[in-house]
Amino acid sequence: MSMNDMTNPAHLRLIHFYNQAAVISYFVQPKMIKRITCRLVELTLEHGVSKYTALSLVRYAMTLPSKEAYRIGKMAISLGNRFDLIDQIPSIYLSFYGYIAIYTQPVQVSESFIVLHLHVLFRLFRVSSQR
């Protein structure tokens, strides 16, 4: 992705807020997730990419048909090389391999990535709870 980085703190807070709202809406008001994820993508296109863009794109991809979703999800995962996403990697991979890749690649591939990133999530939880 050859877009500029988002530097405005207000835009970063807004993106972070919408990502949190997407999680809540998934459980409380599932129909709202399409609106929220579209707004996340719109903010990214207007103001640049941030460390929250990868998760935003994967959540957006979850609302699309499988071929488009897979392409956008893979692009989102590639943002991991550009930003420090250690706190988001489990969510990104679980969303991608649990909701998108299962329709486009063998289940065994998705399962191994899901298990691997669940272990990462548990390790992160242990480290953060010891602080």
N, C-alpha and C. Protein backbone atom coordinates (compact mmCIF):
# COMPACT_ATOMS: atom_id res chain seq x y z
N MET A 1 0.85 -1.17 0.00
CA MET A 1 0.00 0.00 0.00
C MET A 1 0.89 1.23 0.00
N SER A 2 0.75 2.08 -0.99
CA SER A 2 1.64 3.23 -1.11
C SER A 2 0.96 4.53 -0.66
N MET A 3 0.14 4.46 0.36
CA MET A 3 -0.52 5.65 0.89
C MET A 3 0.33 6.24 2.01
N ASN A 4 0.12 7.51 2.29
CA ASN A 4 0.81 8.16 3.40
C ASN A 4 0.30 7.63 4.73
N ASP A 5 1.12 7.81 5.75
CA ASP A 5 0.71 7.43 7.10
C ASP A 5 -0.19 8.50 7.70
N MET A 6 -1.16 8.06 8.49
CA MET A 6 -2.05 8.97 9.19
C MET A 6 -1.27 9.53 10.39
N THR A 7 -1.19 10.85 10.49
CA THR A 7 -0.41 11.46 11.56
C THR A 7 -1.25 12.28 12.53
N ASN A 8 -2.43 12.69 12.12
CA ASN A 8 -3.28 13.52 12.97
C ASN A 8 -3.80 12.69 14.15
N PRO A 9 -3.50 13.09 15.39
CA PRO A 9 -3.96 12.32 16.56
C PRO A 9 -5.48 12.20 16.64
N ALA A 10 -6.20 13.22 16.21
CA ALA A 10 -7.66 13.15 16.25
C ALA A 10 -8.19 12.07 15.31
N HIS A 11 -7.60 11.95 14.13
CA HIS A 11 -8.01 10.90 13.19
C HIS A 11 -7.65 9.52 13.72
N LEU A 12 -6.48 9.41 14.36
CA LEU A 12 -6.08 8.13 14.94
C LEU A 12 -7.04 7.69 16.04
N ARG A 13 -7.44 8.63 16.88
CA ARG A 13 -8.40 8.31 17.94
C ARG A 13 -9.75 7.91 17.35
N LEU A 14 -10.16 8.58 16.27
CA LEU A 14 -11.43 8.27 15.62
C LEU A 14 -11.41 6.86 15.02
N ILE A 15 -10.31 6.51 14.36
CA ILE A 15 -10.16 5.17 13.79
C ILE A 15 -10.21 4.12 14.91
N HIS A 16 -9.50 4.40 15.99
CA HIS A 16 -9.49 3.47 17.12
C HIS A 16 -10.91 3.32 17.70
N PHE A 17 -11.62 4.42 17.83
CA PHE A 17 -12.99 4.38 18.33
C PHE A 17 -13.89 3.53 17.43
N TYR A 18 -13.81 3.75 16.11
CA TYR A 18 -14.64 2.99 15.18
C TYR A 18 -14.30 1.49 15.23
N ASN A 19 -13.02 1.16 15.41
CA ASN A 19 -12.65 -0.25 15.54
C ASN A 19 -13.28 -0.87 16.77
N GLN A 20 -13.29 -0.14 17.87
CA GLN A 20 -13.94 -0.64 19.08
C GLN A 20 -15.45 -0.75 18.88
N ALA A 21 -16.02 0.22 18.19
CA ALA A 21 -17.46 0.19 17.92
C ALA A 21 -17.83 -0.99 17.02
N ALA A 22 -16.94 -1.37 16.12
CA ALA A 22 -17.19 -2.52 15.25
C ALA A 22 -17.30 -3.81 16.06
N VAL A 23 -16.44 -3.95 17.05
CA VAL A 23 -16.49 -5.15 17.90
C VAL A 23 -17.83 -5.22 18.64
N ILE A 24 -18.21 -4.11 19.22
CA ILE A 24 -19.47 -4.06 19.97
C ILE A 24 -20.66 -4.30 19.06
N SER A 25 -20.66 -3.65 17.90
CA SER A 25 -21.79 -3.80 16.99
C SER A 25 -21.93 -5.22 16.46
N TYR A 26 -20.81 -5.93 16.36
CA TYR A 26 -20.87 -7.31 15.89
C TYR A 26 -21.78 -8.16 16.78
N PHE A 27 -21.75 -7.87 18.07
CA PHE A 27 -22.56 -8.64 19.02
C PHE A 27 -23.91 -8.01 19.31
N VAL A 28 -23.99 -6.69 19.31
CA VAL A 28 -25.21 -5.99 19.72
C VAL A 28 -26.10 -5.65 18.53
N GLN A 29 -25.52 -5.10 17.48
CA GLN A 29 -26.28 -4.64 16.31
C GLN A 29 -25.51 -5.04 15.04
N PRO A 30 -25.54 -6.32 14.66
CA PRO A 30 -24.71 -6.80 13.55
C PRO A 30 -24.91 -6.06 12.22
N LYS A 31 -26.08 -5.52 11.99
CA LYS A 31 -26.32 -4.80 10.72
C LYS A 31 -25.49 -3.52 10.61
N MET A 32 -25.04 -2.99 11.75
CA MET A 32 -24.27 -1.74 11.74
C MET A 32 -22.81 -1.95 11.34
N ILE A 33 -22.34 -3.18 11.37
CA ILE A 33 -20.92 -3.40 11.11
C ILE A 33 -20.52 -2.97 9.71
N LYS A 34 -21.41 -3.13 8.73
CA LYS A 34 -21.08 -2.69 7.37
C LYS A 34 -20.88 -1.18 7.32
N ARG A 35 -21.74 -0.44 7.98
CA ARG A 35 -21.60 1.02 8.01
C ARG A 35 -20.31 1.45 8.70
N ILE A 36 -20.04 0.82 9.81
CA ILE A 36 -18.85 1.19 10.58
C ILE A 36 -17.58 0.87 9.80
N THR A 37 -17.52 -0.33 9.20
CA THR A 37 -16.32 -0.70 8.46
C THR A 37 -16.15 0.15 7.20
N CYS A 38 -17.24 0.53 6.56
CA CYS A 38 -17.14 1.43 5.40
C CYS A 38 -16.59 2.79 5.83
N ARG A 39 -17.01 3.26 6.99
CA ARG A 39 -16.50 4.54 7.50
C ARG A 39 -15.01 4.43 7.83
N LEU A 40 -14.59 3.29 8.35
CA LEU A 40 -13.17 3.07 8.62
C LEU A 40 -12.34 3.13 7.34
N VAL A 41 -12.83 2.48 6.30
CA VAL A 41 -12.12 2.49 5.02
C VAL A 41 -12.11 3.89 4.43
N GLU A 42 -13.22 4.59 4.54
CA GLU A 42 -13.32 5.96 4.04
C GLU A 42 -12.30 6.87 4.75
N LEU A 43 -12.20 6.77 6.06
CA LEU A 43 -11.22 7.57 6.80
C LEU A 43 -9.79 7.24 6.37
N THR A 44 -9.52 5.96 6.13
CA THR A 44 -8.20 5.56 5.67
C THR A 44 -7.89 6.16 4.30
N LEU A 45 -8.84 6.12 3.39
CA LEU A 45 -8.62 6.68 2.06
C LEU A 45 -8.44 8.20 2.09
N GLU A 46 -9.13 8.86 3.01
CA GLU A 46 -9.03 10.32 3.11
C GLU A 46 -7.76 10.79 3.81
N HIS A 47 -7.35 10.06 4.88
CA HIS A 47 -6.30 10.59 5.75
C HIS A 47 -5.04 9.73 5.84
N GLY A 48 -5.01 8.59 5.18
CA GLY A 48 -3.82 7.74 5.19
C GLY A 48 -3.99 6.52 6.06
N VAL A 49 -2.98 5.65 6.02
CA VAL A 49 -3.02 4.40 6.77
C VAL A 49 -2.45 4.59 8.17
N SER A 50 -2.92 3.77 9.08
CA SER A 50 -2.44 3.81 10.46
C SER A 50 -2.27 2.38 10.95
N LYS A 51 -1.87 2.23 12.20
CA LYS A 51 -1.71 0.88 12.74
C LYS A 51 -3.05 0.17 12.87
N TYR A 52 -4.16 0.91 12.79
CA TYR A 52 -5.49 0.30 12.90
C TYR A 52 -6.09 -0.06 11.53
N THR A 53 -5.40 0.29 10.46
CA THR A 53 -5.93 0.06 9.11
C THR A 53 -6.06 -1.43 8.80
N ALA A 54 -5.09 -2.23 9.21
CA ALA A 54 -5.13 -3.66 8.89
C ALA A 54 -6.38 -4.31 9.48
N LEU A 55 -6.65 -4.03 10.73
CA LEU A 55 -7.84 -4.59 11.38
C LEU A 55 -9.11 -4.05 10.73
N SER A 56 -9.11 -2.77 10.38
CA SER A 56 -10.26 -2.16 9.71
C SER A 56 -10.53 -2.83 8.37
N LEU A 57 -9.47 -3.08 7.60
CA LEU A 57 -9.65 -3.70 6.29
C LEU A 57 -10.13 -5.14 6.41
N VAL A 58 -9.63 -5.87 7.40
CA VAL A 58 -10.09 -7.26 7.58
C VAL A 58 -11.56 -7.27 7.97
N ARG A 59 -11.94 -6.35 8.84
CA ARG A 59 -13.36 -6.28 9.23
C ARG A 59 -14.23 -5.89 8.05
N TYR A 60 -13.74 -4.98 7.22
CA TYR A 60 -14.47 -4.61 6.01
C TYR A 60 -14.57 -5.82 5.07
N ALA A 61 -13.48 -6.54 4.92
CA ALA A 61 -13.46 -7.70 4.03
C ALA A 61 -14.44 -8.77 4.48
N MET A 62 -14.68 -8.87 5.77
CA MET A 62 -15.63 -9.86 6.28
C MET A 62 -17.05 -9.61 5.78
N THR A 63 -17.33 -8.41 5.28
CA THR A 63 -18.67 -8.10 4.78
C THR A 63 -18.80 -8.32 3.28
N LEU A 64 -17.73 -8.73 2.62
CA LEU A 64 -17.71 -8.88 1.16
C LEU A 64 -17.80 -10.33 0.73
N PRO A 65 -18.10 -10.56 -0.58
CA PRO A 65 -18.03 -11.93 -1.12
C PRO A 65 -16.60 -12.47 -1.00
N SER A 66 -16.44 -13.77 -1.00
CA SER A 66 -15.18 -14.41 -0.63
C SER A 66 -13.95 -14.02 -1.44
N LYS A 67 -14.05 -13.90 -2.77
CA LYS A 67 -12.85 -13.58 -3.56
C LYS A 67 -12.33 -12.18 -3.26
N GLU A 68 -13.21 -11.21 -3.22
CA GLU A 68 -12.79 -9.84 -2.89
C GLU A 68 -12.30 -9.77 -1.45
N ALA A 69 -12.98 -10.48 -0.57
CA ALA A 69 -12.61 -10.49 0.85
C ALA A 69 -11.20 -11.04 1.03
N TYR A 70 -10.89 -12.13 0.34
CA TYR A 70 -9.57 -12.75 0.47
C TYR A 70 -8.48 -11.79 0.02
N ARG A 71 -8.70 -11.14 -1.10
CA ARG A 71 -7.69 -10.20 -1.64
C ARG A 71 -7.45 -9.04 -0.68
N ILE A 72 -8.52 -8.45 -0.16
CA ILE A 72 -8.39 -7.33 0.76
C ILE A 72 -7.79 -7.80 2.09
N GLY A 73 -8.19 -8.97 2.55
CA GLY A 73 -7.64 -9.51 3.79
C GLY A 73 -6.14 -9.75 3.70
N LYS A 74 -5.67 -10.30 2.59
CA LYS A 74 -4.24 -10.52 2.40
C LYS A 74 -3.49 -9.18 2.36
N MET A 75 -4.08 -8.18 1.73
CA MET A 75 -3.46 -6.86 1.69
C MET A 75 -3.37 -6.29 3.11
N ALA A 76 -4.40 -6.49 3.91
CA ALA A 76 -4.39 -6.00 5.29
C ALA A 76 -3.30 -6.68 6.10
N ILE A 77 -3.14 -7.97 5.92
CA ILE A 77 -2.11 -8.71 6.65
C ILE A 77 -0.72 -8.20 6.26
N SER A 78 -0.54 -7.81 5.01
CA SER A 78 0.77 -7.31 4.58
C SER A 78 1.13 -5.98 5.26
N LEU A 79 0.15 -5.28 5.83
CA LEU A 79 0.45 -4.04 6.56
C LEU A 79 1.22 -4.31 7.85
N GLY A 80 1.24 -5.55 8.29
CA GLY A 80 1.99 -5.90 9.48
C GLY A 80 3.47 -5.59 9.37
N ASN A 81 3.99 -5.55 8.15
CA ASN A 81 5.39 -5.21 7.95
C ASN A 81 5.64 -3.71 8.09
N ARG A 82 4.61 -2.93 7.95
CA ARG A 82 4.75 -1.47 7.97
C ARG A 82 4.56 -0.88 9.37
N PHE A 83 3.74 -1.52 10.18
CA PHE A 83 3.41 -1.01 11.51
C PHE A 83 3.65 -2.08 12.56
N ASP A 84 3.79 -1.66 13.80
CA ASP A 84 3.90 -2.58 14.92
C ASP A 84 2.49 -2.98 15.34
N LEU A 85 2.07 -4.17 14.95
CA LEU A 85 0.69 -4.61 15.17
C LEU A 85 0.58 -5.72 16.21
N ILE A 86 1.57 -5.84 17.08
CA ILE A 86 1.60 -6.97 18.01
C ILE A 86 0.32 -7.11 18.81
N ASP A 87 -0.31 -6.01 19.17
CA ASP A 87 -1.54 -6.08 19.96
C ASP A 87 -2.76 -6.42 19.12
N GLN A 88 -2.64 -6.35 17.79
CA GLN A 88 -3.77 -6.62 16.91
C GLN A 88 -3.64 -7.89 16.10
N ILE A 89 -2.45 -8.47 16.07
CA ILE A 89 -2.21 -9.66 15.24
C ILE A 89 -3.22 -10.78 15.52
N PRO A 90 -3.49 -11.14 16.77
CA PRO A 90 -4.47 -12.21 16.98
C PRO A 90 -5.85 -11.89 16.40
N SER A 91 -6.31 -10.66 16.57
CA SER A 91 -7.63 -10.28 16.03
C SER A 91 -7.63 -10.30 14.51
N ILE A 92 -6.56 -9.79 13.92
CA ILE A 92 -6.46 -9.74 12.46
C ILE A 92 -6.47 -11.15 11.89
N TYR A 93 -5.60 -12.01 12.42
CA TYR A 93 -5.49 -13.36 11.88
C TYR A 93 -6.73 -14.20 12.18
N LEU A 94 -7.27 -14.06 13.37
CA LEU A 94 -8.48 -14.82 13.71
C LEU A 94 -9.63 -14.41 12.80
N SER A 95 -9.76 -13.11 12.55
CA SER A 95 -10.82 -12.63 11.65
C SER A 95 -10.58 -13.11 10.23
N PHE A 96 -9.33 -13.00 9.77
CA PHE A 96 -9.04 -13.40 8.39
C PHE A 96 -9.19 -14.90 8.19
N TYR A 97 -8.49 -15.68 9.02
CA TYR A 97 -8.51 -17.13 8.82
C TYR A 97 -9.79 -17.78 9.32
N GLY A 98 -10.48 -17.15 10.26
CA GLY A 98 -11.71 -17.72 10.79
C GLY A 98 -12.96 -17.37 10.02
N TYR A 99 -12.94 -16.20 9.33
CA TYR A 99 -14.15 -15.75 8.63
C TYR A 99 -13.99 -15.61 7.12
N ILE A 100 -12.75 -15.48 6.63
CA ILE A 100 -12.55 -15.21 5.20
C ILE A 100 -11.86 -16.38 4.51
N ALA A 101 -10.69 -16.77 5.02
CA ALA A 101 -9.88 -17.78 4.33
C ALA A 101 -10.53 -19.15 4.30
N ILE A 102 -11.41 -19.44 5.23
CA ILE A 102 -12.05 -20.76 5.24
C ILE A 102 -12.87 -21.01 3.98
N TYR A 103 -13.23 -19.95 3.28
CA TYR A 103 -14.01 -20.09 2.04
C TYR A 103 -13.14 -20.14 0.80
N THR A 104 -11.85 -19.85 0.93
CA THR A 104 -11.00 -19.75 -0.25
C THR A 104 -9.78 -20.65 -0.24
N GLN A 105 -9.47 -21.26 0.89
CA GLN A 105 -8.32 -22.16 0.95
C GLN A 105 -8.67 -23.35 1.84
N PRO A 106 -7.86 -24.41 1.77
CA PRO A 106 -8.19 -25.61 2.56
C PRO A 106 -8.32 -25.29 4.05
N VAL A 107 -9.25 -25.94 4.71
CA VAL A 107 -9.52 -25.72 6.12
C VAL A 107 -8.27 -25.97 6.97
N GLN A 108 -7.44 -26.94 6.59
CA GLN A 108 -6.26 -27.27 7.37
C GLN A 108 -5.31 -26.08 7.47
N VAL A 109 -5.19 -25.30 6.40
CA VAL A 109 -4.32 -24.12 6.41
C VAL A 109 -4.88 -23.09 7.39
N SER A 110 -6.16 -22.82 7.29
CA SER A 110 -6.79 -21.85 8.19
C SER A 110 -6.71 -22.31 9.64
N GLU A 111 -6.94 -23.59 9.88
CA GLU A 111 -6.92 -24.10 11.24
C GLU A 111 -5.56 -23.91 11.88
N SER A 112 -4.49 -24.20 11.15
CA SER A 112 -3.16 -24.08 11.75
C SER A 112 -2.84 -22.63 12.10
N PHE A 113 -3.27 -21.68 11.26
CA PHE A 113 -3.04 -20.27 11.56
C PHE A 113 -3.89 -19.81 12.74
N ILE A 114 -5.10 -20.28 12.83
CA ILE A 114 -5.98 -19.90 13.95
C ILE A 114 -5.38 -20.40 15.26
N VAL A 115 -4.95 -21.66 15.29
CA VAL A 115 -4.36 -22.22 16.51
C VAL A 115 -3.09 -21.47 16.87
N LEU A 116 -2.24 -21.21 15.89
CA LEU A 116 -0.99 -20.48 16.14
C LEU A 116 -1.27 -19.11 16.76
N HIS A 117 -2.22 -18.38 16.22
CA HIS A 117 -2.47 -17.03 16.71
C HIS A 117 -3.30 -17.00 17.99
N LEU A 118 -4.02 -18.05 18.26
CA LEU A 118 -4.64 -18.15 19.58
C LEU A 118 -3.56 -18.32 20.66
N HIS A 119 -2.51 -19.09 20.33
CA HIS A 119 -1.39 -19.22 21.26
C HIS A 119 -0.70 -17.87 21.48
N VAL A 120 -0.53 -17.10 20.43
CA VAL A 120 0.05 -15.76 20.55
C VAL A 120 -0.84 -14.89 21.44
N LEU A 121 -2.13 -14.95 21.22
CA LEU A 121 -3.08 -14.18 22.03
C LEU A 121 -2.97 -14.56 23.50
N PHE A 122 -2.90 -15.84 23.79
CA PHE A 122 -2.78 -16.27 25.19
C PHE A 122 -1.47 -15.80 25.81
N ARG A 123 -0.38 -15.83 25.02
CA ARG A 123 0.90 -15.34 25.51
C ARG A 123 0.83 -13.84 25.80
N LEU A 124 0.20 -13.08 24.90
CA LEU A 124 0.06 -11.64 25.11
C LEU A 124 -0.77 -11.37 26.36
N PHE A 125 -1.82 -12.15 26.56
CA PHE A 125 -2.67 -11.97 27.73
C PHE A 125 -1.89 -12.23 29.02
N ARG A 126 -1.07 -13.29 29.01
CA ARG A 126 -0.26 -13.60 30.19
C ARG A 126 0.72 -12.49 30.50
N VAL A 127 1.38 -11.94 29.47
CA VAL A 127 2.34 -10.87 29.66
C VAL A 127 1.66 -9.62 30.18
N SER A 128 0.52 -9.24 29.60
CA SER A 128 -0.16 -8.02 30.02
C SER A 128 -0.78 -8.15 31.41
N SER A 129 -1.17 -9.36 31.82
CA SER A 129 -1.75 -9.52 33.13
C SER A 129 -0.69 -9.55 34.23
N GLN A 130 0.58 -9.76 33.87
CA GLN A 130 1.65 -9.78 34.85
C GLN A 130 2.17 -8.38 35.14
N ARG A 131 1.79 -7.41 34.35
CA ARG A 131 2.28 -6.03 34.55
C ARG A 131 1.58 -5.37 35.67
